[in-house]
Amino acid sequence: MAKKYGHLTQLGRPAALPASPDKAVLETVPNANPRDLYLVRFTAPEFTTLCPMTGQPDFAHLVIDYAPKAKLIESKSLKLFLGSFRNHADFHEACTLAIGQRLAKVLAPRWLRIGGYWYPRGGMPIDVFWQTGQPPKGLWLPDPGVAPYRGRG
């Protein structure tokens, strides 16, 4: 089993938080069921980044859904990638799109979407949504499970 995943450099080893999203290494593993149509969901309810204008922290609840083909994202590498935004300064829209587009490039999935449910900045929440296209016919898409902002918790 270890031989099958010997290419992984972060799982099962100490791994420092990458200095930036660009330096983060996203690793994949083979999909054992590449012909099956199914959904994989990751949620990051405590995602943080920095406001590019004030340097103050911004917080979001991310929901990432994808229908894999040949590859699956290795979850520790995803966690480190998302953590690399902690000291990265950019707008909500840019961060959300950068995450979705990077995952789409690395995975080449059948379909991927990301919802960035951002906590208020200046008294106004900003929610950002992106997807690679229409979901495949027959794919079960559960509700993202994040309520419209009314004092999220």
Protein backbone atom coordinates (compact mmCIF):
# COMPACT_ATOMS: atom_id res chain seq x y z
CA MET A 1 0.00 0.00 0.00
CA ALA A 2 2.79 2.45 0.91
CA LYS A 3 4.36 1.92 -2.52
CA LYS A 4 1.15 3.04 -4.20
CA TYR A 5 1.32 6.37 -2.38
CA GLY A 6 5.09 6.75 -2.18
CA HIS A 7 4.95 9.91 -4.32
CA LEU A 8 3.25 11.85 -1.52
CA THR A 9 5.60 14.25 0.24
CA GLN A 10 3.37 15.65 3.01
CA LEU A 11 1.03 12.91 4.26
CA GLY A 12 2.39 11.02 7.25
CA ARG A 13 5.27 13.46 7.68
CA PRO A 14 5.81 16.80 9.36
CA ALA A 15 5.00 19.52 6.84
CA ALA A 16 5.34 23.25 7.39
CA LEU A 17 2.66 25.66 6.32
CA PRO A 18 3.64 26.95 2.84
CA ALA A 19 4.84 30.55 2.73
CA SER A 20 2.22 31.44 0.10
CA PRO A 21 -0.51 29.81 -2.01
CA ASP A 22 1.88 29.80 -4.99
CA LYS A 23 4.44 27.79 -3.01
CA ALA A 24 1.85 25.26 -1.76
CA VAL A 25 2.10 21.77 -3.25
CA LEU A 26 -1.27 20.17 -4.05
CA GLU A 27 -0.88 16.41 -4.19
CA THR A 28 -3.25 13.87 -5.69
CA VAL A 29 -3.88 10.15 -5.41
CA PRO A 30 -5.41 7.87 -8.04
CA ASN A 31 -9.18 7.57 -7.98
CA ALA A 32 -9.97 3.90 -7.36
CA ASN A 33 -13.39 4.41 -9.00
CA PRO A 34 -12.77 6.70 -11.98
CA ARG A 35 -15.81 5.48 -13.93
CA ASP A 36 -18.26 6.13 -11.08
CA LEU A 37 -20.06 9.46 -10.87
CA TYR A 38 -19.90 10.76 -7.30
CA LEU A 39 -19.33 13.94 -5.35
CA VAL A 40 -16.51 14.76 -2.93
CA ARG A 41 -17.05 17.65 -0.50
CA PHE A 42 -14.54 19.53 1.61
CA THR A 43 -15.59 22.25 4.02
CA ALA A 44 -13.27 24.75 5.63
CA PRO A 45 -15.38 26.66 8.17
CA GLU A 46 -12.42 28.62 9.56
CA PHE A 47 -10.63 29.79 6.40
CA THR A 48 -8.60 32.97 6.89
CA THR A 49 -6.77 35.43 4.70
CA LEU A 50 -5.81 39.09 4.94
CA CYS A 51 -7.50 42.20 3.61
CA PRO A 52 -5.17 43.70 0.98
CA MET A 53 -6.03 47.24 2.09
CA THR A 54 -5.92 47.03 5.90
CA GLY A 55 -3.95 43.85 6.57
CA GLN A 56 -6.71 42.79 8.95
CA PRO A 57 -7.85 39.13 8.90
CA ASP A 58 -10.83 38.08 6.82
CA PHE A 59 -12.76 34.90 7.56
CA ALA A 60 -14.81 32.58 5.36
CA HIS A 61 -16.61 29.26 5.38
CA LEU A 62 -15.54 27.48 2.19
CA VAL A 63 -17.43 24.61 0.60
CA ILE A 64 -15.60 22.78 -2.20
CA ASP A 65 -17.47 20.12 -4.20
CA TYR A 66 -16.04 18.12 -7.06
CA ALA A 67 -16.88 15.09 -9.19
CA PRO A 68 -13.54 13.34 -9.70
CA LYS A 69 -12.19 11.63 -12.79
CA ALA A 70 -8.74 10.06 -12.54
CA LYS A 71 -7.45 11.93 -9.47
CA LEU A 72 -8.48 12.76 -5.92
CA ILE A 73 -7.00 15.59 -3.90
CA GLU A 74 -4.92 14.44 -0.94
CA SER A 75 -6.57 16.14 2.03
CA LYS A 76 -3.46 17.14 4.00
CA SER A 77 -2.05 18.95 0.98
CA LEU A 78 -5.41 20.72 0.56
CA LYS A 79 -5.36 21.72 4.23
CA LEU A 80 -1.84 23.13 3.87
CA PHE A 81 -2.80 24.95 0.65
CA LEU A 82 -5.80 26.56 2.33
CA GLY A 83 -3.68 27.42 5.37
CA SER A 84 -1.15 29.16 3.12
CA PHE A 85 -3.73 31.92 2.58
CA ARG A 86 -3.45 32.90 6.27
CA ASN A 87 -0.73 35.48 5.49
CA HIS A 88 -1.83 36.17 1.91
CA ALA A 89 -3.49 39.51 1.20
CA ASP A 90 -6.17 39.58 -1.49
CA PHE A 91 -9.84 40.32 -2.01
CA HIS A 92 -12.53 37.73 -1.28
CA GLU A 93 -13.29 37.19 -4.95
CA ALA A 94 -9.64 36.65 -5.91
CA CYS A 95 -9.02 34.17 -3.08
CA THR A 96 -12.13 32.12 -3.83
CA LEU A 97 -11.41 31.95 -7.56
CA ALA A 98 -7.71 31.18 -7.03
CA ILE A 99 -8.60 28.17 -4.89
CA GLY A 100 -11.24 26.84 -7.29
CA GLN A 101 -9.14 27.37 -10.40
CA ARG A 102 -6.00 25.83 -8.89
CA LEU A 103 -7.94 22.73 -7.81
CA ALA A 104 -9.57 22.44 -11.24
CA LYS A 105 -6.16 22.63 -12.92
CA VAL A 106 -4.56 20.03 -10.62
CA LEU A 107 -7.48 17.59 -10.58
CA ALA A 108 -9.03 17.95 -14.05
CA PRO A 109 -12.33 16.79 -12.49
CA ARG A 110 -15.60 16.12 -14.27
CA TRP A 111 -16.91 19.15 -12.41
CA LEU A 112 -15.92 21.41 -9.52
CA ARG A 113 -17.53 24.26 -7.61
CA ILE A 114 -16.49 26.42 -4.69
CA GLY A 115 -18.62 28.59 -2.46
CA GLY A 116 -16.86 31.21 -0.36
CA TYR A 117 -19.21 32.41 2.37
CA TRP A 118 -17.32 35.40 3.74
CA TYR A 119 -18.02 36.98 7.09
CA PRO A 120 -18.89 40.70 7.04
CA ARG A 121 -16.34 43.29 6.10
CA GLY A 122 -17.57 46.82 6.64
CA GLY A 123 -20.87 45.37 7.84
CA MET A 124 -21.56 43.47 4.59
CA PRO A 125 -20.95 39.76 3.96
CA ILE A 126 -19.58 38.90 0.53
CA ASP A 127 -20.33 35.44 -0.87
CA VAL A 128 -18.39 34.26 -3.92
CA PHE A 129 -19.32 31.25 -6.09
CA TRP A 130 -17.44 29.66 -9.00
CA GLN A 131 -17.78 26.41 -10.94
CA THR A 132 -16.19 24.80 -13.94
CA GLY A 133 -19.47 24.47 -15.86
CA GLN A 134 -22.72 22.59 -15.61
CA PRO A 135 -22.67 19.60 -13.25
CA PRO A 136 -22.82 16.19 -14.91
CA LYS A 137 -26.29 14.79 -15.41
CA GLY A 138 -27.20 12.46 -12.57
CA LEU A 139 -24.70 13.89 -10.07
CA TRP A 140 -26.26 14.25 -6.62
CA LEU A 141 -25.65 17.80 -5.46
CA PRO A 142 -26.53 18.27 -1.81
CA ASP A 143 -27.20 21.78 -0.58
CA PRO A 144 -23.95 23.43 0.55
CA GLY A 145 -25.45 23.72 4.02
CA VAL A 146 -24.43 27.32 4.68
CA ALA A 147 -27.34 29.61 5.50
CA PRO A 148 -27.56 33.14 4.11
CA TYR A 149 -25.90 35.52 6.54
CA ARG A 150 -27.97 36.26 9.62
CA GLY A 151 -25.19 36.16 12.16
CA ARG A 152 -23.57 32.92 10.95
CA GLY A 153 -22.47 30.45 13.49
